[in-house]
Amino acid sequence: MLHPERKATIARVIEDYQDLMHRLVSTHLPEFMEVTVTMSQAKVLYTVLAAGSLRLSELAARLGVSLSTTSGQVDRLFEQGLLDRHDDPADRRQVVISVTPGGETLLGRFRELNNEQLLLLLERIGDDSLALVERAMRILADAADPDAGPELVPSDTPATTDRKDDIS
């Protein structure tokens, strides 16, 4: 069980993350409006791209939705030229889904928009705070490693900045 102080800190980090996401969406809405897929469709594309290719039934299971819901999403993305589908040579009753070059281009545009937003933010941060952000990103990336242990950074690592004075 988490210590109450640690639990409160985690809650504040999540709140700050949500605030950041809200600010990014509100300031960069025009750029994201040019993207022609829904969030559900983007999830389908990212899931398939991460796997390389998936059977339709596997995709539905990974997304945690029904086969009919997944089939409808795949049909719309196929019509847009973002997904390809073909029969599984091992079992012709199964449909295998993969991302087309057009789908990869669209996902690349998502990454570009995210990178552009992040670059603008990072350029506004002073050197000391930028080093702290770099370290924090490395820590989060390490924590996202599926082989990572339960705690990556010792508890006695000193804090190096106050939350309110990070932007210079």
Protein backbone atom coordinates (compact mmCIF):
# COMPACT_ATOMS: atom_id res chain seq x y z
CA MET A 1 0.00 0.00 0.00
CA LEU A 2 1.24 3.47 -0.85
CA HIS A 3 2.24 5.86 1.90
CA PRO A 4 -0.36 8.70 2.09
CA GLU A 5 2.23 11.38 1.27
CA ARG A 6 3.45 9.43 -1.78
CA LYS A 7 -0.14 8.82 -2.86
CA ALA A 8 -0.84 12.58 -2.60
CA THR A 9 2.28 13.38 -4.64
CA ILE A 10 1.23 10.93 -7.35
CA ALA A 11 -2.24 12.52 -7.40
CA ARG A 12 -0.66 15.96 -7.90
CA VAL A 13 1.52 14.68 -10.75
CA ILE A 14 -1.54 13.22 -12.46
CA GLU A 15 -3.42 16.48 -11.96
CA ASP A 16 -0.50 18.43 -13.44
CA TYR A 17 -0.35 16.02 -16.39
CA GLN A 18 -4.07 16.48 -17.05
CA ASP A 19 -3.63 20.26 -16.83
CA LEU A 20 -0.77 20.07 -19.33
CA MET A 21 -2.84 17.96 -21.74
CA HIS A 22 -5.78 20.37 -21.44
CA ARG A 23 -3.53 23.34 -22.20
CA LEU A 24 -1.92 21.59 -25.17
CA VAL A 25 -5.27 20.65 -26.66
CA SER A 26 -6.72 24.11 -26.21
CA THR A 27 -3.70 25.91 -27.71
CA HIS A 28 -3.10 23.53 -30.61
CA LEU A 29 -6.61 22.49 -31.55
CA PRO A 30 -6.39 23.78 -35.16
CA GLU A 31 -3.40 21.53 -35.91
CA PHE A 32 -5.12 18.46 -34.47
CA MET A 33 -8.37 19.22 -36.29
CA GLU A 34 -6.60 18.58 -39.59
CA VAL A 35 -6.28 14.91 -38.59
CA THR A 36 -9.18 13.01 -40.13
CA VAL A 37 -9.55 10.05 -37.77
CA THR A 38 -11.37 9.70 -34.48
CA MET A 39 -9.57 8.83 -31.25
CA SER A 40 -11.00 5.28 -31.50
CA GLN A 41 -9.62 4.94 -35.01
CA ALA A 42 -6.25 6.31 -33.90
CA LYS A 43 -6.14 3.64 -31.18
CA VAL A 44 -6.78 0.99 -33.82
CA LEU A 45 -3.98 2.35 -36.01
CA TYR A 46 -1.48 2.59 -33.15
CA THR A 47 -2.34 -0.90 -31.89
CA VAL A 48 -1.93 -2.48 -35.32
CA LEU A 49 1.26 -0.54 -36.06
CA ALA A 50 2.80 -1.62 -32.74
CA ALA A 51 2.06 -5.26 -33.53
CA GLY A 52 3.04 -5.15 -37.20
CA SER A 53 -0.14 -6.99 -38.15
CA LEU A 54 -2.99 -8.56 -36.21
CA ARG A 55 -5.91 -10.83 -36.78
CA LEU A 56 -9.17 -8.94 -36.43
CA SER A 57 -10.06 -11.04 -33.37
CA GLU A 58 -6.68 -10.26 -31.74
CA LEU A 59 -7.19 -6.55 -32.40
CA ALA A 60 -10.62 -6.63 -30.76
CA ALA A 61 -9.17 -8.40 -27.72
CA ARG A 62 -6.32 -5.89 -27.37
CA LEU A 63 -8.72 -2.97 -27.64
CA GLY A 64 -11.17 -4.59 -25.22
CA VAL A 65 -14.13 -4.08 -27.52
CA SER A 66 -16.46 -6.36 -29.46
CA LEU A 67 -15.52 -7.92 -32.76
CA SER A 68 -18.35 -6.03 -34.51
CA THR A 69 -17.12 -2.67 -33.13
CA THR A 70 -13.59 -3.46 -34.27
CA SER A 71 -14.80 -4.62 -37.67
CA GLY A 72 -16.63 -1.33 -38.20
CA GLN A 73 -13.56 0.70 -37.24
CA VAL A 74 -11.36 -1.39 -39.53
CA ASP A 75 -13.84 -1.01 -42.40
CA ARG A 76 -13.77 2.79 -42.11
CA LEU A 77 -9.96 2.87 -41.89
CA PHE A 78 -9.72 0.49 -44.87
CA GLU A 79 -12.00 2.81 -46.88
CA GLN A 80 -9.69 5.72 -46.03
CA GLY A 81 -6.67 3.73 -47.22
CA LEU A 82 -5.11 3.64 -43.74
CA LEU A 83 -5.43 -0.11 -43.08
CA ASP A 84 -5.01 -3.13 -45.29
CA ARG A 85 -6.72 -6.45 -44.68
CA HIS A 86 -6.21 -9.88 -46.15
CA ASP A 87 -7.02 -13.51 -45.39
CA ASP A 88 -4.70 -15.31 -43.00
CA PRO A 89 -2.87 -17.97 -45.06
CA ALA A 90 -2.91 -20.29 -42.02
CA ASP A 91 -6.68 -19.92 -41.55
CA ARG A 92 -8.68 -18.35 -44.36
CA ARG A 93 -11.57 -17.65 -41.96
CA GLN A 94 -9.36 -15.10 -40.19
CA VAL A 95 -8.69 -11.58 -41.46
CA VAL A 96 -5.25 -10.06 -40.89
CA ILE A 97 -4.99 -6.28 -40.53
CA SER A 98 -1.91 -4.14 -41.20
CA VAL A 99 -1.23 -0.41 -41.48
CA THR A 100 -0.73 0.96 -44.99
CA PRO A 101 1.94 3.49 -45.91
CA GLY A 102 -0.83 6.12 -45.78
CA GLY A 103 -1.67 5.04 -42.23
CA GLU A 104 1.98 5.25 -41.25
CA THR A 105 2.14 8.76 -42.73
CA LEU A 106 -0.89 9.82 -40.68
CA LEU A 107 0.61 8.43 -37.47
CA GLY A 108 3.85 10.18 -38.37
CA ARG A 109 1.87 13.43 -38.57
CA PHE A 110 0.59 12.80 -35.03
CA ARG A 111 4.20 12.39 -33.87
CA GLU A 112 5.22 15.58 -35.71
CA LEU A 113 2.44 17.57 -34.05
CA ASN A 114 3.40 16.19 -30.63
CA ASN A 115 7.08 16.91 -31.24
CA GLU A 116 6.32 20.46 -32.42
CA GLN A 117 4.29 21.12 -29.27
CA LEU A 118 6.97 19.65 -27.03
CA LEU A 119 9.71 21.64 -28.76
CA LEU A 120 7.83 24.90 -28.21
CA LEU A 121 7.44 24.08 -24.52
CA LEU A 122 11.04 22.99 -24.02
CA GLU A 123 12.34 26.17 -25.68
CA ARG A 124 10.53 28.18 -22.96
CA ILE A 125 12.21 26.35 -20.09
CA GLY A 126 15.44 27.57 -18.48
CA ASP A 127 18.60 25.45 -18.55
CA ASP A 128 18.35 24.09 -14.99
CA SER A 129 14.71 23.16 -15.41
CA LEU A 130 15.41 21.69 -18.85
CA ALA A 131 17.99 19.37 -17.29
CA LEU A 132 15.37 18.36 -14.71
CA VAL A 133 12.80 17.65 -17.45
CA GLU A 134 15.40 15.59 -19.30
CA ARG A 135 16.05 13.53 -16.19
CA ALA A 136 12.34 13.13 -15.47
CA MET A 137 11.67 11.94 -19.02
CA ARG A 138 14.47 9.40 -18.72
CA ILE A 139 13.02 8.18 -15.40
CA LEU A 140 9.53 7.85 -16.92
CA ALA A 141 10.90 6.02 -19.96
CA ASP A 142 12.77 3.62 -17.68
CA ALA A 143 9.63 3.09 -15.59
CA ALA A 144 7.70 2.24 -18.77
CA ASP A 145 10.17 -0.57 -19.51
CA PRO A 146 8.26 -3.84 -18.99
CA ASP A 147 11.38 -5.37 -17.41
CA ALA A 148 11.83 -2.51 -14.92
CA GLY A 149 11.88 -3.17 -11.21
CA PRO A 150 9.34 -1.71 -8.80
CA GLU A 151 11.39 1.39 -7.95
CA LEU A 152 13.98 2.86 -10.31
CA VAL A 153 15.12 5.93 -8.40
CA PRO A 154 16.14 5.69 -4.75
CA SER A 155 13.81 7.43 -2.31
CA ASP A 156 16.66 9.57 -1.02
CA THR A 157 17.24 11.29 -4.38
CA PRO A 158 16.97 15.02 -3.60
CA ALA A 159 14.36 17.17 -5.27
CA THR A 160 16.00 19.81 -7.44
CA THR A 161 13.24 22.30 -8.19
CA ASP A 162 10.05 23.87 -6.95
CA ARG A 163 6.96 23.09 -9.07
CA LYS A 164 5.97 26.73 -9.59
CA ASP A 165 9.21 28.23 -10.93
CA ASP A 166 10.03 25.92 -13.83
CA ILE A 167 9.31 28.28 -16.73
CA SER A 168 11.79 31.07 -17.25
